[in-house]
Amino acid sequence: MADIGYYELLKSNSKFRKFWFAAVISMFGEWFNTIALFTLIIIHTGSEELLGILITVRMFGFAIMQPIIGLLADRWSRKWIMIASNIIQIPLALTFILVNGPEDIYWLIGISGLMAFLHSVYMTAERAALPNIVSEEELTTANALDAASWSTALAIGAALGGLVVSKYGVDVAFVIDSVTFLISTIILLPIIIPQTVSKEMQGPLFSTAFFNIKAGFKRIFSESRVMRIIFAKSTWNIAGGGLSAVFLVLAGAKLSPTQIASGIGLFFMARGIGTGVGPIIARKYFTNEEKWSGLIGILVAISGLFYLFVGLTIYINLWLTVLLVVIAHAASGANWVLSTILTQKWVEDEMRGRVFSMDMLLMALAFSISTYFAGWLLENGILDIRLGMITFSLGMILAGIIFTIWQPQKTSIS
């Protein structure tokens, strides 16, 4: 059966429509928050290394508890996990209003890491729940729309966040972020999300946790195609973290020294447009699902190639740089959505949370390593922004080539 259209999906599936809108609202506020945090660090410290540390801590927070998060997403209601994540983040977003100087940056980084952990809780539960509220013929469209919406929220949230922070200050951005968590929670409350829980999950949590986490690992390594696909996102992020979250941020900050947030917001908007367009193009033109697994590594290499062009042309022509960032992230967005759909289709409902938690864990660890070293290399004068982009983009191209030729064998875990 042919995939359903975007408008038709939103019109006919009210449950998905609400589920989708709740995620979009929450993500929109997330990018207001991110631009404001970057701005505070640059204004109060001017440290590239601290910027890298912020992003590293955020991704470490995203990664650290993923095996447990995946277990809980397969055991407890995914809907209520998402709601709890939103509610806890409402007051946390407001604490950043208390930042007054460089002495507050370290606790800012810590709170931001905690919010990233809660965001990872939401994302893992959301990815695992999505196939339970759409039909098989709706799944590809739903994922493409979900990825495009994340990107649209990034593009609009980053652009508006940059403008709002420049005009009204960072405090307004943090208030907006807290309000979006509240709205998202209200939208989620009436939704009923079906879920299959295996019998092994029905015993006491602590006495069964190790066995069930191990079962998730066994599920991954028992099937070579699943083991390979969970490395798809981390393959891009091992270089993409430094490129998109350190070099691109600092390049944006240097565009307009008097309006730092606006420059960062412009490049993040380009990133968002790209990751939004990519899934839509992938859904329209990559219709042969059997070829998706082979395309994923090629898309990583293409993204690296266009980031190489960014590094070679940055500061020469602003709008050319913006276009190149869009194309680089279109390839990245296609990689993300194709690997997500394959995981959802290949992994059964009762195991999906644990498998996605490993996917998110590997992605976050790769991103953390990349951003930390990018910040450290800049701080110590080993690389500048242009050379850093060129070096990391070559690394991304190499990672894409390695993933393309890698054909793992099935492994057993006793």
Protein backbone atom coordinates (compact mmCIF):
# COMPACT_ATOMS: atom_id res chain seq x y z
CA MET A 1 0.00 0.00 0.00
CA ALA A 2 1.30 3.48 -0.90
CA ASP A 3 2.40 5.87 1.85
CA ILE A 4 -0.22 8.38 2.98
CA GLY A 5 0.29 12.12 2.37
CA TYR A 6 1.26 14.61 5.09
CA TYR A 7 -2.01 16.56 5.09
CA GLU A 8 -4.07 13.40 4.88
CA LEU A 9 -2.21 11.92 7.87
CA LEU A 10 -2.77 15.00 10.03
CA LYS A 11 -6.40 15.24 8.97
CA SER A 12 -7.34 11.57 9.42
CA ASN A 13 -5.29 10.58 12.49
CA SER A 14 -6.26 12.90 15.34
CA LYS A 15 -4.16 10.99 17.87
CA PHE A 16 -1.00 11.46 15.82
CA ARG A 17 -1.93 15.11 15.16
CA LYS A 18 -1.98 15.86 18.90
CA PHE A 19 1.11 13.73 19.57
CA TRP A 20 2.99 15.55 16.80
CA PHE A 21 1.89 19.03 17.87
CA ALA A 22 2.95 18.41 21.49
CA ALA A 23 6.44 17.50 20.31
CA VAL A 24 6.66 20.51 17.97
CA ILE A 25 5.72 22.97 20.73
CA SER A 26 8.26 21.48 23.14
CA MET A 27 11.03 21.49 20.53
CA PHE A 28 10.32 25.09 19.58
CA GLY A 29 11.03 26.21 23.15
CA GLU A 30 14.13 24.01 23.30
CA TRP A 31 15.81 26.08 20.59
CA PHE A 32 14.89 29.37 22.26
CA ASN A 33 16.65 27.98 25.32
CA THR A 34 19.71 26.80 23.36
CA ILE A 35 20.41 30.12 21.63
CA ALA A 36 20.08 31.93 24.97
CA LEU A 37 22.52 29.55 26.71
CA PHE A 38 25.12 29.92 23.95
CA THR A 39 24.77 33.69 24.20
CA LEU A 40 25.24 33.72 27.98
CA ILE A 41 28.46 31.70 27.78
CA ILE A 42 29.94 33.82 24.99
CA ILE A 43 29.01 37.11 26.72
CA HIS A 44 30.16 36.14 30.22
CA THR A 45 33.27 34.09 29.38
CA GLY A 46 34.11 34.29 25.66
CA SER A 47 35.46 30.75 26.05
CA GLU A 48 35.30 28.30 23.14
CA GLU A 49 36.20 25.49 25.52
CA LEU A 50 33.29 26.27 27.86
CA LEU A 51 30.98 26.30 24.88
CA GLY A 52 32.27 22.85 23.97
CA ILE A 53 31.89 21.72 27.59
CA LEU A 54 28.26 22.93 27.67
CA ILE A 55 27.41 20.89 24.60
CA THR A 56 29.40 17.90 25.86
CA VAL A 57 27.61 17.94 29.22
CA ARG A 58 24.25 18.25 27.48
CA MET A 59 24.97 15.25 25.30
CA PHE A 60 26.46 13.31 28.21
CA GLY A 61 23.26 14.00 30.12
CA PHE A 62 21.34 12.82 27.07
CA ALA A 63 23.37 9.59 26.94
CA ILE A 64 24.22 8.56 30.48
CA MET A 65 21.02 6.76 31.49
CA GLN A 66 19.84 5.53 28.10
CA PRO A 67 19.86 1.79 28.96
CA ILE A 68 17.63 2.51 31.98
CA ILE A 69 15.44 4.92 29.98
CA GLY A 70 14.95 2.29 27.28
CA LEU A 71 14.02 -0.28 29.91
CA LEU A 72 11.44 2.05 31.46
CA ALA A 73 10.03 2.96 28.03
CA ASP A 74 9.36 -0.75 27.44
CA ARG A 75 7.94 -1.24 30.95
CA TRP A 76 6.02 1.91 31.89
CA SER A 77 3.55 4.10 29.99
CA ARG A 78 5.48 6.01 27.34
CA LYS A 79 2.89 8.77 27.45
CA TRP A 80 3.40 9.41 31.17
CA ILE A 81 7.17 9.26 30.80
CA MET A 82 6.90 12.08 28.24
CA ILE A 83 4.58 14.10 30.47
CA ALA A 84 6.84 13.72 33.52
CA SER A 85 9.81 14.90 31.46
CA ASN A 86 7.93 18.05 30.42
CA ILE A 87 6.66 18.90 33.90
CA ILE A 88 10.08 18.65 35.57
CA GLN A 89 11.64 20.90 32.93
CA ILE A 90 9.18 23.77 33.52
CA PRO A 91 10.91 25.12 36.69
CA LEU A 92 14.37 24.10 35.47
CA ALA A 93 14.07 26.36 32.41
CA LEU A 94 13.31 29.31 34.70
CA THR A 95 16.42 28.83 36.86
CA PHE A 96 18.62 30.27 34.08
CA ILE A 97 17.11 33.68 34.79
CA LEU A 98 19.34 33.73 37.90
CA VAL A 99 22.59 33.75 35.86
CA ASN A 100 24.39 37.07 36.50
CA GLY A 101 28.05 36.47 35.67
CA PRO A 102 30.84 34.01 34.87
CA GLU A 103 30.64 32.52 38.37
CA ASP A 104 27.19 31.12 37.47
CA ILE A 105 28.22 29.40 34.25
CA TYR A 106 29.17 26.09 35.85
CA TRP A 107 25.79 25.52 37.51
CA LEU A 108 24.16 26.70 34.26
CA ILE A 109 26.02 23.90 32.49
CA GLY A 110 24.90 21.40 35.15
CA ILE A 111 21.20 22.36 34.92
CA SER A 112 21.42 22.28 31.14
CA GLY A 113 22.82 18.74 31.35
CA LEU A 114 19.91 17.70 33.57
CA MET A 115 17.44 19.13 31.06
CA ALA A 116 19.21 17.26 28.27
CA PHE A 117 18.75 14.05 30.27
CA LEU A 118 15.02 14.77 30.57
CA HIS A 119 14.86 15.57 26.87
CA SER A 120 16.42 12.18 26.13
CA VAL A 121 13.71 10.55 28.26
CA TYR A 122 11.06 12.27 26.13
CA MET A 123 12.71 11.42 22.81
CA THR A 124 13.26 7.73 23.54
CA ALA A 125 9.66 7.30 24.71
CA GLU A 126 8.37 9.28 21.72
CA ARG A 127 10.35 7.28 19.12
CA ALA A 128 9.22 4.01 20.67
CA ALA A 129 5.56 5.13 20.90
CA LEU A 130 5.16 6.49 17.38
CA PRO A 131 4.51 3.14 15.63
CA ASN A 132 1.72 2.48 18.14
CA ILE A 133 -0.40 5.42 16.99
CA VAL A 134 0.05 5.16 13.21
CA SER A 135 -0.53 2.33 10.74
CA GLU A 136 2.28 0.73 8.74
CA GLU A 137 1.42 2.75 5.63
CA GLU A 138 1.48 5.93 7.76
CA LEU A 139 4.82 5.21 9.44
CA THR A 140 7.19 6.60 6.79
CA THR A 141 5.13 9.78 6.41
CA ALA A 142 4.83 10.19 10.19
CA ASN A 143 8.60 9.90 10.65
CA ALA A 144 9.34 12.27 7.77
CA LEU A 145 6.88 14.79 9.21
CA ASP A 146 8.30 14.33 12.71
CA ALA A 147 11.86 14.93 11.49
CA ALA A 148 10.81 17.86 9.31
CA SER A 149 8.91 19.36 12.24
CA TRP A 150 11.94 19.02 14.53
CA SER A 151 13.90 20.87 11.90
CA THR A 152 11.25 23.52 11.40
CA ALA A 153 11.16 24.08 15.15
CA LEU A 154 14.95 24.38 15.05
CA ALA A 155 14.88 26.82 12.13
CA ILE A 156 12.07 29.03 13.45
CA GLY A 157 13.00 28.64 17.11
CA ALA A 158 16.66 29.46 16.48
CA ALA A 159 15.87 32.41 14.20
CA LEU A 160 13.22 33.88 16.52
CA GLY A 161 15.32 32.98 19.55
CA GLY A 162 18.23 34.96 18.13
CA LEU A 163 15.99 37.94 17.43
CA VAL A 164 14.21 37.78 20.80
CA VAL A 165 17.46 37.44 22.75
CA SER A 166 19.02 40.32 20.81
CA LYS A 167 16.01 42.60 21.36
CA TYR A 168 14.59 41.55 24.74
CA GLY A 169 17.37 39.60 26.46
CA VAL A 170 17.87 35.98 27.48
CA ASP A 171 15.30 35.96 30.30
CA VAL A 172 12.38 36.18 27.87
CA ALA A 173 13.72 33.14 26.00
CA PHE A 174 13.79 31.07 29.20
CA VAL A 175 10.21 32.06 30.08
CA ILE A 176 9.04 31.06 26.59
CA ASP A 177 10.82 27.71 26.95
CA SER A 178 9.06 26.94 30.25
CA VAL A 179 5.67 27.84 28.77
CA THR A 180 6.18 25.47 25.82
CA PHE A 181 6.74 22.56 28.20
CA LEU A 182 3.44 23.38 29.92
CA ILE A 183 1.51 23.58 26.63
CA SER A 184 3.03 20.31 25.42
CA THR A 185 1.95 18.59 28.63
CA ILE A 186 -1.64 19.84 28.31
CA ILE A 187 -1.84 18.52 24.74
CA LEU A 188 -0.48 15.08 25.71
CA LEU A 189 -2.78 14.50 28.69
CA PRO A 190 -5.93 13.25 26.85
CA ILE A 191 -4.06 11.05 24.34
CA ILE A 192 -4.35 7.26 24.76
CA ILE A 193 -1.23 5.47 23.47
CA PRO A 194 -1.45 1.65 23.24
CA GLN A 195 1.62 -0.33 24.24
CA THR A 196 2.72 -3.95 24.40
CA VAL A 197 4.63 -4.97 27.55
CA SER A 198 6.35 -8.35 27.58
CA LYS A 199 5.79 -10.79 30.45
CA GLU A 200 9.44 -10.44 31.52
CA MET A 201 8.74 -6.78 32.33
CA GLN A 202 5.97 -7.56 34.79
CA GLY A 203 8.15 -8.60 37.73
CA PRO A 204 9.76 -6.30 40.33
CA LEU A 205 11.74 -3.51 38.63
CA PHE A 206 15.09 -3.88 40.40
CA SER A 207 15.23 -7.66 40.38
CA THR A 208 14.41 -7.87 36.66
CA ALA A 209 16.25 -4.76 35.41
CA PHE A 210 19.60 -6.37 34.59
CA PHE A 211 17.99 -9.31 32.81
CA ASN A 212 15.77 -7.04 30.70
CA ILE A 213 18.55 -4.60 29.79
CA LYS A 214 20.69 -7.57 28.75
CA ALA A 215 17.77 -8.87 26.68
CA GLY A 216 17.78 -5.56 24.80
CA PHE A 217 21.49 -5.93 24.02
CA LYS A 218 20.93 -9.50 22.87
CA ARG A 219 18.15 -8.35 20.57
CA ILE A 220 20.50 -5.83 18.93
CA PHE A 221 23.45 -8.16 18.46
CA SER A 222 21.37 -11.13 17.35
CA GLU A 223 20.54 -9.44 14.03
CA SER A 224 23.36 -7.89 12.00
CA ARG A 225 21.16 -5.37 10.18
CA VAL A 226 19.85 -3.99 13.50
CA MET A 227 23.36 -3.88 14.97
CA ARG A 228 24.55 -1.88 11.96
CA ILE A 229 21.63 0.55 11.81
CA ILE A 230 21.98 1.73 15.42
CA PHE A 231 25.38 3.20 14.43
CA ALA A 232 23.85 5.32 11.64
CA LYS A 233 23.29 8.48 13.69
CA SER A 234 26.56 8.21 15.63
CA THR A 235 28.48 7.87 12.35
CA TRP A 236 27.35 11.38 11.40
CA ASN A 237 27.73 12.81 14.92
CA ILE A 238 31.34 11.75 15.50
CA ALA A 239 32.32 14.73 13.33
CA GLY A 240 28.94 16.47 13.06
CA GLY A 241 28.85 17.43 16.73
CA GLY A 242 31.91 19.65 16.43
CA LEU A 243 30.85 20.99 13.04
CA SER A 244 27.25 21.91 13.85
CA ALA A 245 27.44 22.79 17.55
CA VAL A 246 30.88 24.41 17.96
CA PHE A 247 32.39 25.65 14.69
CA LEU A 248 29.03 26.74 13.25
CA VAL A 249 27.98 28.46 16.49
CA LEU A 250 31.23 30.42 16.73
CA ALA A 251 31.14 31.30 13.05
CA GLY A 252 27.66 32.69 13.60
CA ALA A 253 28.77 34.63 16.67
CA LYS A 254 31.52 36.32 14.66
CA LEU A 255 29.09 37.52 11.97
CA SER A 256 27.81 40.32 14.18
CA PRO A 257 29.82 40.93 17.38
CA THR A 258 27.17 43.33 18.68
CA GLN A 259 24.29 40.88 18.07
CA ILE A 260 25.77 37.46 18.81
CA ALA A 261 22.43 35.66 19.11
CA SER A 262 21.26 36.80 15.67
CA GLY A 263 24.31 35.36 13.93
CA ILE A 264 24.04 32.05 15.76
CA GLY A 265 20.31 31.96 15.02
CA LEU A 266 20.90 32.46 11.29
CA PHE A 267 23.19 29.45 10.93
CA PHE A 268 20.97 27.32 13.18
CA MET A 269 18.01 28.32 11.03
CA ALA A 270 19.92 27.05 7.98
CA ARG A 271 20.66 23.83 9.84
CA GLY A 272 16.97 23.47 10.66
CA ILE A 273 15.82 24.11 7.11
CA GLY A 274 18.22 21.44 5.86
CA THR A 275 17.21 18.77 8.34
CA GLY A 276 13.58 19.55 7.53
CA VAL A 277 13.97 19.33 3.76
CA GLY A 278 16.07 16.13 3.90
CA PRO A 279 13.37 13.77 5.24
CA ILE A 280 10.81 15.17 2.79
CA ILE A 281 13.15 14.56 -0.16
CA ALA A 282 14.01 11.09 1.17
CA ARG A 283 10.34 10.12 1.44
CA LYS A 284 9.60 11.37 -2.09
CA TYR A 285 12.59 9.96 -3.98
CA PHE A 286 14.01 7.08 -1.90
CA THR A 287 11.02 4.81 -2.34
CA ASN A 288 12.89 1.49 -2.45
CA GLU A 289 13.20 0.52 1.21
CA GLU A 290 15.68 -2.28 0.40
CA LYS A 291 18.27 0.36 -0.62
CA TRP A 292 17.95 2.52 2.49
CA SER A 293 20.55 0.67 4.51
CA GLY A 294 23.13 1.23 1.77
CA LEU A 295 22.18 4.90 1.33
CA ILE A 296 22.76 5.88 4.94
CA GLY A 297 26.58 5.95 4.83
CA ILE A 298 26.53 7.73 1.46
CA LEU A 299 24.33 10.45 2.97
CA VAL A 300 26.84 10.92 5.80
CA ALA A 301 29.65 11.36 3.25
CA ILE A 302 27.56 13.84 1.23
CA SER A 303 26.89 15.86 4.38
CA GLY A 304 30.64 15.92 5.08
CA LEU A 305 31.38 17.03 1.52
CA PHE A 306 29.11 20.05 1.77
CA TYR A 307 30.50 20.94 5.20
CA LEU A 308 33.90 20.87 3.51
CA PHE A 309 32.59 23.48 1.08
CA VAL A 310 31.33 25.49 4.09
CA GLY A 311 34.82 25.50 5.56
CA LEU A 312 36.37 26.57 2.26
CA THR A 313 33.91 29.42 1.60
CA ILE A 314 32.93 30.70 5.06
CA TYR A 315 33.13 34.51 5.41
CA ILE A 316 33.49 34.84 1.62
CA ASN A 317 29.78 34.89 0.84
CA LEU A 318 27.25 34.66 3.66
CA TRP A 319 24.30 33.36 1.63
CA LEU A 320 26.43 30.77 -0.15
CA THR A 321 27.50 29.51 3.29
CA VAL A 322 23.87 29.39 4.42
CA LEU A 323 22.92 27.36 1.32
CA LEU A 324 25.77 24.91 1.86
CA VAL A 325 24.75 24.39 5.50
CA VAL A 326 21.19 23.69 4.33
CA ILE A 327 22.38 21.02 1.88
CA ALA A 328 24.76 19.42 4.39
CA HIS A 329 21.95 19.04 6.91
CA ALA A 330 19.46 17.86 4.29
CA ALA A 331 21.69 14.80 3.86
CA SER A 332 21.95 14.48 7.65
CA GLY A 333 18.16 14.68 8.05
CA ALA A 334 17.63 11.99 5.42
CA ASN A 335 20.13 9.74 7.24
CA TRP A 336 18.25 10.30 10.52
CA VAL A 337 14.77 9.53 9.21
CA LEU A 338 15.73 6.48 7.13
CA SER A 339 17.63 4.87 10.02
CA THR A 340 14.77 5.63 12.45
CA ILE A 341 12.11 4.08 10.21
CA LEU A 342 14.19 0.94 9.64
CA THR A 343 14.68 0.52 13.39
CA GLN A 344 10.96 0.96 14.03
CA LYS A 345 10.08 -1.59 11.36
CA TRP A 346 12.71 -4.18 12.23
CA VAL A 347 12.27 -4.16 16.03
CA GLU A 348 9.13 -5.42 17.79
CA ASP A 349 7.16 -3.12 20.12
CA GLU A 350 8.16 -4.74 23.41
CA MET A 351 11.89 -4.31 22.59
CA ARG A 352 11.75 -0.98 20.77
CA GLY A 353 12.48 1.28 23.74
CA ARG A 354 15.67 -0.58 24.64
CA VAL A 355 16.94 -0.65 21.08
CA PHE A 356 16.25 3.05 20.58
CA SER A 357 17.98 3.82 23.87
CA MET A 358 21.19 2.26 22.49
CA ASP A 359 20.72 4.25 19.28
CA MET A 360 20.44 7.47 21.31
CA LEU A 361 23.32 6.48 23.60
CA LEU A 362 25.77 5.94 20.74
CA MET A 363 24.62 9.12 19.02
CA ALA A 364 25.03 11.21 22.16
CA LEU A 365 28.44 9.79 23.03
CA ALA A 366 29.72 10.48 19.52
CA PHE A 367 28.32 14.02 19.67
CA SER A 368 29.88 14.62 23.11
CA ILE A 369 33.33 13.47 22.03
CA SER A 370 33.14 15.58 18.88
CA THR A 371 32.04 18.80 20.58
CA TYR A 372 34.52 18.52 23.44
CA PHE A 373 37.52 18.08 21.17
CA ALA A 374 36.33 20.80 18.80
CA GLY A 375 36.14 23.26 21.71
CA TRP A 376 39.47 22.11 23.12
CA LEU A 377 41.25 22.41 19.77
CA LEU A 378 39.93 25.96 19.32
CA GLU A 379 40.69 27.03 22.88
CA ASN A 380 44.30 25.86 22.58
CA GLY A 381 44.87 27.47 19.20
CA ILE A 382 45.49 24.16 17.41
CA LEU A 383 42.71 24.87 14.91
CA ASP A 384 40.78 27.96 13.91
CA ILE A 385 37.14 27.87 12.78
CA ARG A 386 37.91 27.46 9.07
CA LEU A 387 40.57 24.76 9.50
CA GLY A 388 38.42 23.03 12.10
CA MET A 389 35.51 22.80 9.67
CA ILE A 390 37.75 21.43 6.94
CA THR A 391 39.36 18.85 9.25
CA PHE A 392 36.11 17.62 10.81
CA SER A 393 34.31 17.52 7.45
CA LEU A 394 37.02 15.25 6.05
CA GLY A 395 36.52 13.05 9.10
CA MET A 396 32.78 12.91 8.37
CA ILE A 397 33.40 11.87 4.76
CA LEU A 398 35.71 9.10 5.98
CA ALA A 399 33.13 7.95 8.57
CA GLY A 400 30.46 7.75 5.87
CA ILE A 401 32.70 5.67 3.61
CA ILE A 402 33.55 3.27 6.46
CA PHE A 403 29.87 2.83 7.37
CA THR A 404 28.98 2.15 3.72
CA ILE A 405 31.48 -0.70 3.36
CA TRP A 406 30.93 -2.11 6.88
CA GLN A 407 28.96 -5.36 6.87
CA PRO A 408 28.90 -6.73 10.45
CA GLN A 409 28.38 -10.38 11.23
CA LYS A 410 25.75 -11.57 13.68
CA THR A 411 27.16 -11.74 17.22
CA SER A 412 25.81 -13.60 20.23
CA ILE A 413 25.79 -12.35 23.83
CA SER A 414 25.61 -15.06 26.42
